[in-house]
Structure formats: C-alpha cells, structure tokens
C-alpha atoms as a PDB file:
ATOM      1  CA  UNK A   1      -4.459 -13.267  26.183  1.00  0.00           C
ATOM      2  CA  UNK A   2      -7.645 -11.034  26.373  1.00  0.00           C
ATOM      3  CA  UNK A   3      -9.730 -11.034  23.553  1.00  0.00           C
ATOM      4  CA  UNK A   4      -8.754  -9.783  20.267  1.00  0.00           C
ATOM      5  CA  UNK A   5     -10.982  -6.936  18.997  1.00  0.00           C
ATOM      6  CA  UNK A   6     -12.298  -6.759  14.823  1.00  0.00           C
ATOM      7  CA  UNK A   7     -10.700  -3.132  14.925  1.00  0.00           C
ATOM      8  CA  UNK A   8      -7.181  -4.206  16.920  1.00  0.00           C
ATOM      9  CA  UNK A   9      -7.159  -6.785  14.435  1.00  0.00           C
ATOM     10  CA  UNK A  10      -8.075  -4.650  11.255  1.00  0.00           C
ATOM     11  CA  UNK A  11      -5.666  -2.167  12.435  1.00  0.00           C
ATOM     12  CA  UNK A  12      -7.181   0.620  10.250  1.00  0.00           C
ATOM     13  CA  UNK A  13      -3.564   2.797   9.572  1.00  0.00           C
ATOM     14  CA  UNK A  14      -1.707   0.228   7.577  1.00  0.00           C
ATOM     15  CA  UNK A  15      -4.787   0.429   4.823  1.00  0.00           C
ATOM     16  CA  UNK A  16      -2.712   4.295   4.745  1.00  0.00           C
ATOM     17  CA  UNK A  17      -0.739   2.624   2.071  1.00  0.00           C
ATOM     18  CA  UNK A  18      -3.392   2.458  -0.155  1.00  0.00           C
ATOM     19  CA  UNK A  19      -5.651   5.420   0.524  1.00  0.00           C
ATOM     20  CA  UNK A  20      -2.799   7.758  -0.318  1.00  0.00           C
ATOM     21  CA  UNK A  21      -2.330   6.893  -4.028  1.00  0.00           C
ATOM     22  CA  UNK A  22      -5.846   7.911  -4.537  1.00  0.00           C
ATOM     23  CA  UNK A  23      -5.196  10.985  -2.375  1.00  0.00           C
ATOM     24  CA  UNK A  24      -2.164  11.842  -3.849  1.00  0.00           C
ATOM     25  CA  UNK A  25      -4.157  11.496  -7.744  1.00  0.00           C
ATOM     26  CA  UNK A  26      -6.376  13.495  -6.405  1.00  0.00           C
ATOM     27  CA  UNK A  27      -4.076  16.552  -5.178  1.00  0.00           C
ATOM     28  CA  UNK A  28      -2.713  16.114  -8.633  1.00  0.00           C
ATOM     29  CA  UNK A  29      -5.608  16.222 -10.758  1.00  0.00           C
ATOM     30  CA  UNK A  30      -8.000  17.481  -8.520  1.00  0.00           C
ATOM     31  CA  UNK A  31     -11.063  15.495 -10.829  1.00  0.00           C
ATOM     32  CA  UNK A  32     -14.144  16.797 -10.803  1.00  0.00           C
ATOM     33  CA  UNK A  33     -17.801  14.904 -11.349  1.00  0.00           C
ATOM     34  CA  UNK A  34     -17.716  11.570 -12.317  1.00  0.00           C
ATOM     35  CA  UNK A  35     -13.936  11.037 -12.141  1.00  0.00           C
ATOM     36  CA  UNK A  36     -12.882  12.021  -8.548  1.00  0.00           C
ATOM     37  CA  UNK A  37     -16.691   9.953  -7.759  1.00  0.00           C
ATOM     38  CA  UNK A  38     -14.595   6.700  -9.504  1.00  0.00           C
ATOM     39  CA  UNK A  39     -11.378   7.874  -8.248  1.00  0.00           C
ATOM     40  CA  UNK A  40     -12.959   7.446  -4.650  1.00  0.00           C
ATOM     41  CA  UNK A  41     -15.085   4.186  -4.958  1.00  0.00           C
ATOM     42  CA  UNK A  42     -12.405   3.097  -7.175  1.00  0.00           C
ATOM     43  CA  UNK A  43      -9.808   3.665  -3.667  1.00  0.00           C
ATOM     44  CA  UNK A  44     -12.384   1.932  -1.478  1.00  0.00           C
ATOM     45  CA  UNK A  45     -11.580  -1.316  -3.788  1.00  0.00           C
ATOM     46  CA  UNK A  46      -8.159  -1.176  -3.150  1.00  0.00           C
ATOM     47  CA  UNK A  47      -8.346  -1.440   0.423  1.00  0.00           C
ATOM     48  CA  UNK A  48     -10.828  -3.811   0.079  1.00  0.00           C
ATOM     49  CA  UNK A  49      -7.626  -5.714  -2.026  1.00  0.00           C
ATOM     50  CA  UNK A  50      -5.518  -4.887   0.751  1.00  0.00           C
ATOM     51  CA  UNK A  51      -7.766  -6.502   3.542  1.00  0.00           C
ATOM     52  CA  UNK A  52      -8.094  -9.948   1.456  1.00  0.00           C
ATOM     53  CA  UNK A  53      -4.426  -9.761   1.018  1.00  0.00           C
ATOM     54  CA  UNK A  54      -3.688  -9.611   4.815  1.00  0.00           C
ATOM     55  CA  UNK A  55      -5.965 -12.057   5.949  1.00  0.00           C
ATOM     56  CA  UNK A  56      -5.070 -14.966   3.317  1.00  0.00           C
ATOM     57  CA  UNK A  57      -1.360 -13.699   4.219  1.00  0.00           C
ATOM     58  CA  UNK A  58      -2.606 -13.955   7.606  1.00  0.00           C
ATOM     59  CA  UNK A  59      -3.307 -17.545   7.168  1.00  0.00           C
ATOM     60  CA  UNK A  60      -0.419 -18.503   4.876  1.00  0.00           C
ATOM     61  CA  UNK A  61       2.166 -17.577   7.692  1.00  0.00           C
ATOM     62  CA  UNK A  62      -0.432 -19.519  10.321  1.00  0.00           C
ATOM     63  CA  UNK A  63      -0.291 -22.566   8.030  1.00  0.00           C
ATOM     64  CA  UNK A  64       3.502 -22.390   8.140  1.00  0.00           C
ATOM     65  CA  UNK A  65       4.155 -21.677  11.859  1.00  0.00           C
ATOM     66  CA  UNK A  66       5.639 -17.974  10.589  1.00  0.00           C
ATOM     67  CA  UNK A  67       4.334 -14.950  12.667  1.00  0.00           C
ATOM     68  CA  UNK A  68       2.292 -17.100  15.270  1.00  0.00           C
ATOM     69  CA  UNK A  69       3.160 -14.733  17.658  1.00  0.00           C
ATOM     70  CA  UNK A  70       1.711 -11.593  15.798  1.00  0.00           C
ATOM     71  CA  UNK A  71      -0.817 -10.805  18.270  1.00  0.00           C
ATOM     72  CA  UNK A  72      -3.456  -9.150  15.867  1.00  0.00           C
ATOM     73  CA  UNK A  73      -3.958 -11.629  13.236  1.00  0.00           C
ATOM     74  CA  UNK A  74      -6.972 -11.907  11.494  1.00  0.00           C
ATOM     75  CA  UNK A  75      -6.277 -15.592  12.779  1.00  0.00           C
ATOM     76  CA  UNK A  76      -6.380 -15.055  15.936  1.00  0.00           C
ATOM     77  CA  UNK A  77      -9.121 -12.681  15.590  1.00  0.00           C
ATOM     78  CA  UNK A  78     -11.480 -16.122  14.169  1.00  0.00           C
ATOM     79  CA  UNK A  79     -10.471 -18.356  17.417  1.00  0.00           C
ATOM     80  CA  UNK A  80      -7.660 -19.909  15.134  1.00  0.00           C
ATOM     81  CA  UNK A  81     -10.731 -21.523  12.623  1.00  0.00           C
ATOM     82  CA  UNK A  82      -8.191 -20.943   9.262  1.00  0.00           C
ATOM     83  CA  UNK A  83     -11.576 -21.706   7.212  1.00  0.00           C
ATOM     84  CA  UNK A  84     -13.176 -19.091   8.574  1.00  0.00           C
ATOM     85  CA  UNK A  85     -10.923 -16.421   7.551  1.00  0.00           C
ATOM     86  CA  UNK A  86      -9.985 -17.983   4.444  1.00  0.00           C
ATOM     87  CA  UNK A  87     -13.821 -17.332   3.701  1.00  0.00           C
ATOM     88  CA  UNK A  88     -13.525 -14.157   5.324  1.00  0.00           C
ATOM     89  CA  UNK A  89     -10.449 -12.683   2.899  1.00  0.00           C
ATOM     90  CA  UNK A  90     -12.000 -14.909  -0.140  1.00  0.00           C
ATOM     91  CA  UNK A  91     -14.845 -12.336   0.691  1.00  0.00           C
ATOM     92  CA  UNK A  92     -13.190  -9.329   0.462  1.00  0.00           C
ATOM     93  CA  UNK A  93     -10.981  -9.832  -2.385  1.00  0.00           C
ATOM     94  CA  UNK A  94     -14.228 -10.564  -5.045  1.00  0.00           C
ATOM     95  CA  UNK A  95     -16.487  -8.023  -2.699  1.00  0.00           C
ATOM     96  CA  UNK A  96     -13.238  -5.675  -4.204  1.00  0.00           C
ATOM     97  CA  UNK A  97     -13.034  -7.000  -7.865  1.00  0.00           C
ATOM     98  CA  UNK A  98     -16.485  -6.442  -7.854  1.00  0.00           C
ATOM     99  CA  UNK A  99     -16.144  -2.689  -7.383  1.00  0.00           C
ATOM    100  CA  UNK A 100     -13.464  -2.051  -9.424  1.00  0.00           C
ATOM    101  CA  UNK A 101     -15.195  -3.898 -12.404  1.00  0.00           C
ATOM    102  CA  UNK A 102     -18.662  -1.551 -11.736  1.00  0.00           C
ATOM    103  CA  UNK A 103     -16.631   1.226 -11.418  1.00  0.00           C
ATOM    104  CA  UNK A 104     -14.823   0.383 -14.632  1.00  0.00           C
ATOM    105  CA  UNK A 105     -18.209  -0.144 -16.246  1.00  0.00           C
ATOM    106  CA  UNK A 106     -19.323   3.108 -15.522  1.00  0.00           C
ATOM    107  CA  UNK A 107     -17.366   5.488 -16.454  1.00  0.00           C
ATOM    108  CA  UNK A 108     -16.726   2.865 -19.987  1.00  0.00           C
ATOM    109  CA  UNK A 109     -13.051   2.448 -19.181  1.00  0.00           C
ATOM    110  CA  UNK A 110     -13.071  -0.977 -19.449  1.00  0.00           C
ATOM    111  CA  UNK A 111      -9.383  -1.377 -21.514  1.00  0.00           C
ATOM    112  CA  UNK A 112      -8.044  -0.865 -17.835  1.00  0.00           C
ATOM    113  CA  UNK A 113      -8.519  -4.318 -16.834  1.00  0.00           C
ATOM    114  CA  UNK A 114      -5.413  -4.848 -19.505  1.00  0.00           C
ATOM    115  CA  UNK A 115      -3.451  -3.599 -16.290  1.00  0.00           C
ATOM    116  CA  UNK A 116      -5.585  -4.167 -13.470  1.00  0.00           C
ATOM    117  CA  UNK A 117      -5.818  -7.945 -13.724  1.00  0.00           C
ATOM    118  CA  UNK A 118      -2.544  -8.690 -13.899  1.00  0.00           C
ATOM    119  CA  UNK A 119      -1.960  -6.835 -10.601  1.00  0.00           C
ATOM    120  CA  UNK A 120      -4.651  -8.647  -9.382  1.00  0.00           C
ATOM    121  CA  UNK A 121      -3.617 -12.029 -10.945  1.00  0.00           C
ATOM    122  CA  UNK A 122       0.008 -11.308  -8.707  1.00  0.00           C
ATOM    123  CA  UNK A 123      -1.542 -10.276  -5.224  1.00  0.00           C
ATOM    124  CA  UNK A 124      -3.810 -13.864  -5.688  1.00  0.00           C
ATOM    125  CA  UNK A 125      -0.672 -15.447  -6.096  1.00  0.00           C
ATOM    126  CA  UNK A 126       1.206 -13.267  -3.637  1.00  0.00           C
ATOM    127  CA  UNK A 127      -0.248 -15.654  -0.630  1.00  0.00           C
ATOM    128  CA  UNK A 128      -2.214 -18.662  -2.889  1.00  0.00           C
ATOM    129  CA  UNK A 129      -0.510 -21.299  -5.133  1.00  0.00           C
ATOM    130  CA  UNK A 130       2.072 -23.894  -4.078  1.00  0.00           C
ATOM    131  CA  UNK A 131       4.889 -21.531  -4.138  1.00  0.00           C
ATOM    132  CA  UNK A 132       3.829 -18.264  -2.688  1.00  0.00           C
ATOM    133  CA  UNK A 133       5.049 -15.270  -4.196  1.00  0.00           C
ATOM    134  CA  UNK A 134       5.685 -13.730  -0.286  1.00  0.00           C
ATOM    135  CA  UNK A 135       7.503 -16.418   0.354  1.00  0.00           C
ATOM    136  CA  UNK A 136      10.145 -16.505  -2.413  1.00  0.00           C
ATOM    137  CA  UNK A 137      13.021 -13.837  -3.349  1.00  0.00           C
ATOM    138  CA  UNK A 138      10.488 -11.701  -5.799  1.00  0.00           C
ATOM    139  CA  UNK A 139       8.357 -10.615  -2.707  1.00  0.00           C
ATOM    140  CA  UNK A 140       9.542  -7.036  -2.463  1.00  0.00           C
ATOM    141  CA  UNK A 141       9.538  -6.679  -6.315  1.00  0.00           C
ATOM    142  CA  UNK A 142       5.530  -8.022  -6.375  1.00  0.00           C
ATOM    143  CA  UNK A 143       4.944  -5.473  -4.111  1.00  0.00           C
ATOM    144  CA  UNK A 144       6.510  -2.353  -5.716  1.00  0.00           C
ATOM    145  CA  UNK A 145       4.369  -3.588  -8.519  1.00  0.00           C
ATOM    146  CA  UNK A 146       1.915  -3.602  -7.665  1.00  0.00           C
ATOM    147  CA  UNK A 147       1.355  -0.679  -5.906  1.00  0.00           C
ATOM    148  CA  UNK A 148       2.772   1.342  -8.348  1.00  0.00           C
ATOM    149  CA  UNK A 149       0.508  -0.574 -10.699  1.00  0.00           C
ATOM    150  CA  UNK A 150      -2.350   1.052  -7.821  1.00  0.00           C
ATOM    151  CA  UNK A 151      -1.188   4.616  -8.404  1.00  0.00           C
ATOM    152  CA  UNK A 152      -1.549   4.240 -12.148  1.00  0.00           C
ATOM    153  CA  UNK A 153      -4.712   2.450 -12.490  1.00  0.00           C
ATOM    154  CA  UNK A 154      -6.528   5.330 -10.336  1.00  0.00           C
ATOM    155  CA  UNK A 155      -4.576   7.700 -12.792  1.00  0.00           C
ATOM    156  CA  UNK A 156      -6.559   6.223 -15.755  1.00  0.00           C
ATOM    157  CA  UNK A 157      -9.432   6.509 -13.935  1.00  0.00           C
ATOM    158  CA  UNK A 158      -9.380   9.848 -13.077  1.00  0.00           C
ATOM    159  CA  UNK A 159      -9.191  10.503 -17.033  1.00  0.00           C
ATOM    160  CA  UNK A 160      -6.063  11.149 -16.843  1.00  0.00           C
ATOM    161  CA  UNK A 161      -3.303   9.678 -19.624  1.00  0.00           C
ATOM    162  CA  UNK A 162       0.224   7.512 -19.119  1.00  0.00           C
ATOM    163  CA  UNK A 163       2.650  10.599 -18.988  1.00  0.00           C
ATOM    164  CA  UNK A 164       6.135  11.396 -16.903  1.00  0.00           C
ATOM    165  CA  UNK A 165       3.677  12.457 -13.830  1.00  0.00           C
ATOM    166  CA  UNK A 166       2.073   9.118 -13.926  1.00  0.00           C
ATOM    167  CA  UNK A 167       5.533   6.874 -13.866  1.00  0.00           C
ATOM    168  CA  UNK A 168       6.318   8.922 -11.180  1.00  0.00           C
ATOM    169  CA  UNK A 169       3.368   8.720  -8.685  1.00  0.00           C
ATOM    170  CA  UNK A 170       4.043   4.762  -9.654  1.00  0.00           C
ATOM    171  CA  UNK A 171       7.791   4.919  -8.947  1.00  0.00           C
ATOM    172  CA  UNK A 172       6.747   6.866  -5.550  1.00  0.00           C
ATOM    173  CA  UNK A 173       4.081   4.512  -3.907  1.00  0.00           C
ATOM    174  CA  UNK A 174       5.877   1.188  -5.504  1.00  0.00           C
ATOM    175  CA  UNK A 175       8.499   2.550  -3.361  1.00  0.00           C
ATOM    176  CA  UNK A 176       6.192   3.555   0.153  1.00  0.00           C
ATOM    177  CA  UNK A 177       4.878  -0.362  -0.410  1.00  0.00           C
ATOM    178  CA  UNK A 178       8.306  -1.547   0.045  1.00  0.00           C
ATOM    179  CA  UNK A 179       9.427   0.930   2.907  1.00  0.00           C
ATOM    180  CA  UNK A 180       6.934  -0.469   4.937  1.00  0.00           C
ATOM    181  CA  UNK A 181       7.074  -4.364   3.928  1.00  0.00           C
ATOM    182  CA  UNK A 182      11.275  -4.003   4.739  1.00  0.00           C
ATOM    183  CA  UNK A 183       9.984  -2.313   8.269  1.00  0.00           C
ATOM    184  CA  UNK A 184       8.045  -5.383   9.009  1.00  0.00           C
ATOM    185  CA  UNK A 185      10.876  -8.012   8.041  1.00  0.00           C
ATOM    186  CA  UNK A 186      13.508  -7.351  10.967  1.00  0.00           C
ATOM    187  CA  UNK A 187      11.342  -8.521  13.471  1.00  0.00           C
ATOM    188  CA  UNK A 188      10.432 -11.570  12.139  1.00  0.00           C
ATOM    189  CA  UNK A 189      14.029 -12.947  11.106  1.00  0.00           C
ATOM    190  CA  UNK A 190      13.419 -15.504  13.335  1.00  0.00           C
ATOM    191  CA  UNK A 191      10.338 -17.437  12.318  1.00  0.00           C
ATOM    192  CA  UNK A 192      10.571 -16.228   8.615  1.00  0.00           C
ATOM    193  CA  UNK A 193      14.231 -18.523   8.238  1.00  0.00           C
ATOM    194  CA  UNK A 194      12.158 -21.825  10.894  1.00  0.00           C
ATOM    195  CA  UNK A 195       9.802 -21.481   7.375  1.00  0.00           C
ATOM    196  CA  UNK A 196      12.137 -20.779   4.537  1.00  0.00           C
ATOM    197  CA  UNK A 197      10.349 -17.133   3.787  1.00  0.00           C
ATOM    198  CA  UNK A 198      12.988 -15.731   1.593  1.00  0.00           C
ATOM    199  CA  UNK A 199      12.643 -11.747   2.943  1.00  0.00           C
ATOM    200  CA  UNK A 200      14.621  -9.407   1.764  1.00  0.00           C
ATOM    201  CA  UNK A 201      15.244  -8.919   6.137  1.00  0.00           C
ATOM    202  CA  UNK A 202      16.392 -13.099   6.240  1.00  0.00           C
ATOM    203  CA  UNK A 203      19.121 -12.968   3.079  1.00  0.00           C
ATOM    204  CA  UNK A 204      20.570  -8.980   3.914  1.00  0.00           C
ATOM    205  CA  UNK A 205      20.237  -8.697   7.473  1.00  0.00           C
ATOM    206  CA  UNK A 206      18.372  -5.975   9.854  1.00  0.00           C
ATOM    207  CA  UNK A 207      21.320  -3.131   9.228  1.00  0.00           C
ATOM    208  CA  UNK A 208      20.795  -3.636   5.169  1.00  0.00           C
ATOM    209  CA  UNK A 209      17.240  -3.688   5.756  1.00  0.00           C
ATOM    210  CA  UNK A 210      16.700  -1.097   7.999  1.00  0.00           C
ATOM    211  CA  UNK A 211      19.145   0.705   4.798  1.00  0.00           C
ATOM    212  CA  UNK A 212      17.179  -0.297   1.775  1.00  0.00           C
ATOM    213  CA  UNK A 213      14.219   1.121   4.043  1.00  0.00           C
ATOM    214  CA  UNK A 214      15.855   4.836   4.536  1.00  0.00           C
ATOM    215  CA  UNK A 215      16.743   5.085   0.353  1.00  0.00           C
ATOM    216  CA  UNK A 216      12.831   3.754  -0.498  1.00  0.00           C
ATOM    217  CA  UNK A 217      11.939   6.267   1.784  1.00  0.00           C
ATOM    218  CA  UNK A 218      14.171   8.993   0.231  1.00  0.00           C
ATOM    219  CA  UNK A 219      12.809   7.384  -3.422  1.00  0.00           C
ATOM    220  CA  UNK A 220       8.934   7.817  -2.484  1.00  0.00           C
ATOM    221  CA  UNK A 221       9.766  11.702  -1.007  1.00  0.00           C
ATOM    222  CA  UNK A 222      11.804  12.461  -4.263  1.00  0.00           C
ATOM    223  CA  UNK A 223       9.557  11.277  -7.005  1.00  0.00           C
ATOM    224  CA  UNK A 224       6.180  12.833  -5.339  1.00  0.00           C
ATOM    225  CA  UNK A 225       7.072  15.922  -5.184  1.00  0.00           C
ATOM    226  CA  UNK A 226       8.412  16.020  -8.336  1.00  0.00           C
ATOM    227  CA  UNK A 227       5.182  15.355  -9.666  1.00  0.00           C
ATOM    228  CA  UNK A 228       3.813  17.554  -7.754  1.00  0.00           C
ATOM    229  CA  UNK A 229       5.732  20.222  -8.898  1.00  0.00           C
ATOM    230  CA  UNK A 230       5.444  19.489 -12.405  1.00  0.00           C
ATOM    231  CA  UNK A 231       1.645  19.776 -11.801  1.00  0.00           C
ATOM    232  CA  UNK A 232       0.973  22.252  -9.474  1.00  0.00           C
ATOM    233  CA  UNK A 233       2.235  25.666  -9.443  1.00  0.00           C
ATOM    234  CA  UNK A 234       0.138  26.490  -6.171  1.00  0.00           C
ATOM    235  CA  UNK A 235       2.617  27.040  -3.153  1.00  0.00           C
ATOM    236  CA  UNK A 236      -0.455  26.183  -0.866  1.00  0.00           C
ATOM    237  CA  UNK A 237       0.822  23.028  -2.275  1.00  0.00           C
ATOM    238  CA  UNK A 238       4.299  22.657  -2.652  1.00  0.00           C
ATOM    239  CA  UNK A 239       5.765  24.058  -0.038  1.00  0.00           C
ATOM    240  CA  UNK A 240       4.445  22.375   2.705  1.00  0.00           C
ATOM    241  CA  UNK A 241       4.895  19.039   0.465  1.00  0.00           C
ATOM    242  CA  UNK A 242       8.703  19.770  -0.186  1.00  0.00           C
ATOM    243  CA  UNK A 243       8.952  21.010   3.968  1.00  0.00           C
ATOM    244  CA  UNK A 244       8.007  18.469   5.605  1.00  0.00           C
ATOM    245  CA  UNK A 245       8.824  15.534   3.503  1.00  0.00           C
ATOM    246  CA  UNK A 246      12.483  16.690   4.328  1.00  0.00           C
ATOM    247  CA  UNK A 247      11.361  16.298   7.943  1.00  0.00           C
ATOM    248  CA  UNK A 248      10.387  13.559   7.673  1.00  0.00           C
ATOM    249  CA  UNK A 249      13.191  11.832   5.702  1.00  0.00           C
ATOM    250  CA  UNK A 250      15.338  13.520   8.664  1.00  0.00           C
ATOM    251  CA  UNK A 251      13.682  11.737  11.657  1.00  0.00           C
ATOM    252  CA  UNK A 252      14.260   8.686   9.652  1.00  0.00           C
ATOM    253  CA  UNK A 253      18.208   8.754   9.639  1.00  0.00           C
ATOM    254  CA  UNK A 254      17.838   8.815  13.493  1.00  0.00           C
ATOM    255  CA  UNK A 255      15.642   6.637  14.663  1.00  0.00           C
ATOM    256  CA  UNK A 256      15.031   2.664  13.230  1.00  0.00           C
ATOM    257  CA  UNK A 257      12.409   3.112  10.597  1.00  0.00           C
ATOM    258  CA  UNK A 258       9.268   1.563  12.130  1.00  0.00           C
ATOM    259  CA  UNK A 259       6.354   0.842  10.055  1.00  0.00           C
ATOM    260  CA  UNK A 260       4.245   3.432  12.568  1.00  0.00           C
ATOM    261  CA  UNK A 261       6.720   5.920  11.797  1.00  0.00           C
ATOM    262  CA  UNK A 262       7.131   5.702   8.203  1.00  0.00           C
ATOM    263  CA  UNK A 263       2.786   5.328   7.970  1.00  0.00           C
ATOM    264  CA  UNK A 264       2.613   9.083  10.163  1.00  0.00           C
ATOM    265  CA  UNK A 265       5.303  10.574   8.715  1.00  0.00           C
ATOM    266  CA  UNK A 266       4.152   9.711   4.887  1.00  0.00           C
ATOM    267  CA  UNK A 267       1.157  10.542   5.425  1.00  0.00           C
ATOM    268  CA  UNK A 268       1.586  13.972   7.460  1.00  0.00           C
ATOM    269  CA  UNK A 269       2.507  16.271   3.851  1.00  0.00           C
ATOM    270  CA  UNK A 270      -0.719  14.823   1.845  1.00  0.00           C
ATOM    271  CA  UNK A 271      -3.358  15.158   5.289  1.00  0.00           C
ATOM    272  CA  UNK A 272      -2.029  18.893   5.166  1.00  0.00           C
ATOM    273  CA  UNK A 273      -2.045  19.306   1.321  1.00  0.00           C
ATOM    274  CA  UNK A 274      -5.434  18.042   1.324  1.00  0.00           C
ATOM    275  CA  UNK A 275      -6.705  20.157   4.305  1.00  0.00           C
ATOM    276  CA  UNK A 276      -4.880  23.043   2.395  1.00  0.00           C
ATOM    277  CA  UNK A 277      -7.156  21.856  -0.884  1.00  0.00           C
ATOM    278  CA  UNK A 278     -10.553  22.204   1.005  1.00  0.00           C
ATOM    279  CA  UNK A 279      -9.945  25.382   2.635  1.00  0.00           C
ATOM    280  CA  UNK A 280      -8.907  26.845  -0.198  1.00  0.00           C
ATOM    281  CA  UNK A 281     -12.226  26.061  -2.341  1.00  0.00           C
ATOM    282  CA  UNK A 282     -14.201  26.684   1.087  1.00  0.00           C
END
C-alpha cells in the first residue's frame, strides 16, 4: 500500500458536517462585528473537536479490530503507532476546548458552558472509557444530541436567544449528522459485527439503514427550510434553498445514499445561499 498522505487521512470534505451549522447560523441571523467573529472562531473549535473524535475513533476501532480495512485511517498515517495517533487526537481535543473557552470569555457568555460541557463529555465518552458510546446502541442518539447541540451553542454564541429557529436548526443538523453516520455503516457490517459494535446497520441491516438515512435527510431539509422561511423574507435565499433541497432529496431516492452524496447535496443549498448573500452585499 502506498504511503498515506496527511490530506488523504484528513479527508477535508467530512468536516462540512461541523462547518454547515456555523454557515446555517450566519445565514439565518447574519451577525455582525464581534458576534460574527465569535461565530467563526467557535465553528473552527467545533471542527477541531470533530478532528479529535475522528482520530480517537480510528484508534479505538483499530484496537478492537474494527475498520482495519479503512485505507485512510489516521492510524495508518501514523504508521500504526497508536500512541502518536492518540496524542494527536487529544492535542486537537484540548485545542478545541481552549479555543471555545477563550471565545466564551471574550464575548462574556461563560454560561453557555452549561450546555457545551455536557456535549464535550459525550464527545469524550463516545470513544473513551471501558464502555464506549460509539459501540453501544446509543451511538446514533449521542451523535444527534451533540450536533444538534453544536448548532444551539453556535446560535447562542452569535448573540441570539433560544427559540423556535434554534430548535429547528438543532433538529436539522442533528438529523444530518446521524444520516451521515448511518450512511457509513452498511459497508462495515461484517467487521462491526465481529467486534460487537452495535451500530444501527448491524442491528437492522442495510435496507432499513438506507431507509433511515433518507428519512433523516428529509427531516434535515424540512427543518432547515422552515427555519429559513421563518427568519428570512428574501426570495434570493428561500427559493434556491427550497428547490435545491427538493432535488437533493429526490436524488437520494434513486441511488444508495452514500456519505459523499449526502455531504455534497446537503452543502449545495448553503453554498448557493452564501454566495447570494455575499453577492448582495457587494
């Protein structure tokens, strides 16, 4: 096997699941000044947290014999040195926490830690401890809570109050994160079963997993577009989002909803709307 490059192990596209909630908050409220900077920095902290969890997940799987066929594993990049890979993961986890804490101190909103700290705890337990949550039947629920909570925290960082839009956004991005998680699982049923990783696909099979992915993808688009409709009156944002969302979901009905498809077509409406907002400002 050829040497794995850092950008192959990084797989930049997967971080869209952490970046999109930040873009979503910006599109809904379009914060300015200090709130906008805080939102940007906090979103980067979320990306670092996801990077840490990806690394620690690769290490945990490798130790137990799951996903050892994964060619772009961080463990392979570190030449199967689990100590280096683990230290890499914890360094990213600590950097994420420090950056997030610094942001909250700067905007004088330390009370957001009441929500953020339990999410950090779940992120830790997802791949650590004697009974890792990623190997349990609650792994998908933990993912939904964490990514729904990420949107909620970013919403609060941008100086907004908890309301219907916050709830809808949390439902949307929690659903998208679980859809992405489930879309990986059918390809790993055999190895996950061997190491007693109780994923949704292991418990219910590929067909039902693909059905669940489509349902969650639909919930994501519905919740997001309702939130956008409530917040925005600009047709330059509403119509592209609605049309592209419909096309993306319909496309998922005619092919297996694999991770790259979900990420690409979930991101497309946001990229178009973001470009439209920037164009209007110019």
